[in-house]
Amino acid sequence: MNSINPKVLIGASLLGLLVVNPLYLYWQFFQFEFSSFRNNTIAIALFIEVFALTFLIAFYFKINPTGKVKWYWLIVLSFLGSLLFALPFYYWLNTRNK
């Protein structure tokens, strides 16, 4: 089976790290108001979806490991950055020596 081009994985990961993360952090530190967030059902749904998908994908990698890096590192990476950063970077870490 062909794996994804490593340049595509690193590019997607950098997009998450350098574009998505700063936008989220800016919002979190300068624009976030809990009362507004609590009344925004779309925002709540998106947060629930991202957390659920992160754990679901990590569970998939626990059952079907792709390499030496354990599944829980996907969760750690997603908390350090976005899922757009974590998933391609985690996959690249596990397939870089194959």
C-alpha atoms as a PDB file:
ATOM      1  CA  MET A   1       0.000   0.000   0.000  1.00  0.00           C
ATOM      2  CA  ASN A   2       1.322   3.434  -0.916  1.00  0.00           C
ATOM      3  CA  SER A   3       1.661   5.914   1.895  1.00  0.00           C
ATOM      4  CA  ILE A   4       0.950   9.603   1.635  1.00  0.00           C
ATOM      5  CA  ASN A   5       3.749  11.797   0.336  1.00  0.00           C
ATOM      6  CA  PRO A   6       5.750  13.034   3.373  1.00  0.00           C
ATOM      7  CA  LYS A   7       5.828  16.577   1.954  1.00  0.00           C
ATOM      8  CA  VAL A   8       2.021  16.649   1.920  1.00  0.00           C
ATOM      9  CA  LEU A   9       1.907  15.445   5.534  1.00  0.00           C
ATOM     10  CA  ILE A  10       4.451  18.011   6.724  1.00  0.00           C
ATOM     11  CA  GLY A  11       2.719  20.754   4.706  1.00  0.00           C
ATOM     12  CA  ALA A  12      -0.674  19.977   6.231  1.00  0.00           C
ATOM     13  CA  SER A  13       0.875  19.803   9.675  1.00  0.00           C
ATOM     14  CA  LEU A  14       2.586  23.171   9.208  1.00  0.00           C
ATOM     15  CA  LEU A  15      -0.697  24.671   8.003  1.00  0.00           C
ATOM     16  CA  GLY A  16      -2.318  23.545  11.240  1.00  0.00           C
ATOM     17  CA  LEU A  17       0.582  24.735  13.373  1.00  0.00           C
ATOM     18  CA  LEU A  18       1.203  28.097  11.716  1.00  0.00           C
ATOM     19  CA  VAL A  19      -2.272  29.140  10.510  1.00  0.00           C
ATOM     20  CA  VAL A  20      -5.013  27.362  12.486  1.00  0.00           C
ATOM     21  CA  ASN A  21      -3.309  27.421  15.901  1.00  0.00           C
ATOM     22  CA  PRO A  22      -2.539  31.170  15.933  1.00  0.00           C
ATOM     23  CA  LEU A  23      -6.103  31.976  14.848  1.00  0.00           C
ATOM     24  CA  TYR A  24      -7.520  29.802  17.607  1.00  0.00           C
ATOM     25  CA  LEU A  25      -5.150  31.169  20.242  1.00  0.00           C
ATOM     26  CA  TYR A  26      -5.928  34.749  19.237  1.00  0.00           C
ATOM     27  CA  TRP A  27      -9.639  34.033  19.588  1.00  0.00           C
ATOM     28  CA  GLN A  28      -9.109  32.222  22.888  1.00  0.00           C
ATOM     29  CA  PHE A  29      -7.064  34.986  24.508  1.00  0.00           C
ATOM     30  CA  PHE A  30      -8.557  38.142  23.032  1.00  0.00           C
ATOM     31  CA  GLN A  31     -12.122  37.464  21.863  1.00  0.00           C
ATOM     32  CA  PHE A  32     -13.458  34.564  23.885  1.00  0.00           C
ATOM     33  CA  GLU A  33     -16.388  35.241  26.210  1.00  0.00           C
ATOM     34  CA  PHE A  34     -17.897  32.239  27.920  1.00  0.00           C
ATOM     35  CA  SER A  35     -21.407  33.684  27.906  1.00  0.00           C
ATOM     36  CA  SER A  36     -21.290  34.180  24.129  1.00  0.00           C
ATOM     37  CA  PHE A  37     -19.797  30.733  23.622  1.00  0.00           C
ATOM     38  CA  ARG A  38     -22.408  29.083  25.833  1.00  0.00           C
ATOM     39  CA  ASN A  39     -25.184  30.567  23.679  1.00  0.00           C
ATOM     40  CA  ASN A  40     -23.554  29.520  20.385  1.00  0.00           C
ATOM     41  CA  THR A  41     -24.784  26.009  19.674  1.00  0.00           C
ATOM     42  CA  ILE A  42     -22.691  25.675  16.496  1.00  0.00           C
ATOM     43  CA  ALA A  43     -19.490  26.442  18.389  1.00  0.00           C
ATOM     44  CA  ILE A  44     -20.393  23.948  21.098  1.00  0.00           C
ATOM     45  CA  ALA A  45     -21.190  21.294  18.483  1.00  0.00           C
ATOM     46  CA  LEU A  46     -17.869  21.880  16.716  1.00  0.00           C
ATOM     47  CA  PHE A  47     -15.905  21.598  19.961  1.00  0.00           C
ATOM     48  CA  ILE A  48     -17.693  18.364  20.865  1.00  0.00           C
ATOM     49  CA  GLU A  49     -17.088  17.006  17.362  1.00  0.00           C
ATOM     50  CA  VAL A  50     -13.361  17.808  17.404  1.00  0.00           C
ATOM     51  CA  PHE A  51     -12.838  16.215  20.813  1.00  0.00           C
ATOM     52  CA  ALA A  52     -14.887  13.138  19.896  1.00  0.00           C
ATOM     53  CA  LEU A  53     -13.108  12.676  16.566  1.00  0.00           C
ATOM     54  CA  THR A  54      -9.708  13.081  18.192  1.00  0.00           C
ATOM     55  CA  PHE A  55     -10.430  10.297  20.648  1.00  0.00           C
ATOM     56  CA  LEU A  56     -12.099   8.142  17.984  1.00  0.00           C
ATOM     57  CA  ILE A  57      -9.090   8.436  15.659  1.00  0.00           C
ATOM     58  CA  ALA A  58      -6.724   7.731  18.573  1.00  0.00           C
ATOM     59  CA  PHE A  59      -8.779   4.646  19.419  1.00  0.00           C
ATOM     60  CA  TYR A  60      -8.492   3.521  15.786  1.00  0.00           C
ATOM     61  CA  PHE A  61      -4.701   3.851  15.953  1.00  0.00           C
ATOM     62  CA  LYS A  62      -4.691   1.941  19.232  1.00  0.00           C
ATOM     63  CA  ILE A  63      -6.408  -1.004  17.514  1.00  0.00           C
ATOM     64  CA  ASN A  64      -4.554  -0.587  14.182  1.00  0.00           C
ATOM     65  CA  PRO A  65      -1.112   0.845  14.970  1.00  0.00           C
ATOM     66  CA  THR A  66       0.761   2.368  12.040  1.00  0.00           C
ATOM     67  CA  GLY A  67       4.211   2.442  13.646  1.00  0.00           C
ATOM     68  CA  LYS A  68       6.203   2.736  16.847  1.00  0.00           C
ATOM     69  CA  VAL A  69       4.678   5.982  18.130  1.00  0.00           C
ATOM     70  CA  LYS A  70       1.818   5.048  20.463  1.00  0.00           C
ATOM     71  CA  TRP A  71      -1.768   6.164  19.926  1.00  0.00           C
ATOM     72  CA  TYR A  72      -1.898   8.486  22.948  1.00  0.00           C
ATOM     73  CA  TRP A  73       0.656  10.777  21.315  1.00  0.00           C
ATOM     74  CA  LEU A  74      -2.031  11.763  18.819  1.00  0.00           C
ATOM     75  CA  ILE A  75      -4.078  13.135  21.726  1.00  0.00           C
ATOM     76  CA  VAL A  76      -1.039  14.918  23.184  1.00  0.00           C
ATOM     77  CA  LEU A  77      -0.184  16.470  19.814  1.00  0.00           C
ATOM     78  CA  SER A  78      -3.772  17.578  19.275  1.00  0.00           C
ATOM     79  CA  PHE A  79      -3.740  19.391  22.612  1.00  0.00           C
ATOM     80  CA  LEU A  80      -0.436  21.047  21.692  1.00  0.00           C
ATOM     81  CA  GLY A  81      -1.869  22.143  18.373  1.00  0.00           C
ATOM     82  CA  SER A  82      -4.894  21.531  16.250  1.00  0.00           C
ATOM     83  CA  LEU A  83      -6.091  18.225  14.850  1.00  0.00           C
ATOM     84  CA  LEU A  84      -4.891  19.524  11.461  1.00  0.00           C
ATOM     85  CA  PHE A  85      -1.412  19.688  13.008  1.00  0.00           C
ATOM     86  CA  ALA A  86      -1.584  16.488  15.036  1.00  0.00           C
ATOM     87  CA  LEU A  87      -2.992  13.919  12.607  1.00  0.00           C
ATOM     88  CA  PRO A  88      -0.606  14.411   9.663  1.00  0.00           C
ATOM     89  CA  PHE A  89       2.375  14.833  12.004  1.00  0.00           C
ATOM     90  CA  TYR A  90       1.487  11.674  13.956  1.00  0.00           C
ATOM     91  CA  TYR A  91       1.045   9.708  10.723  1.00  0.00           C
ATOM     92  CA  TRP A  92       4.333  11.056   9.367  1.00  0.00           C
ATOM     93  CA  LEU A  93       6.141  10.085  12.592  1.00  0.00           C
ATOM     94  CA  ASN A  94       4.848   6.534  12.260  1.00  0.00           C
ATOM     95  CA  THR A  95       5.545   6.067   8.545  1.00  0.00           C
ATOM     96  CA  ARG A  96       8.780   8.012   8.004  1.00  0.00           C
ATOM     97  CA  ASN A  97      11.074   4.948   8.235  1.00  0.00           C
ATOM     98  CA  LYS A  98       8.965   2.535   6.183  1.00  0.00           C
END
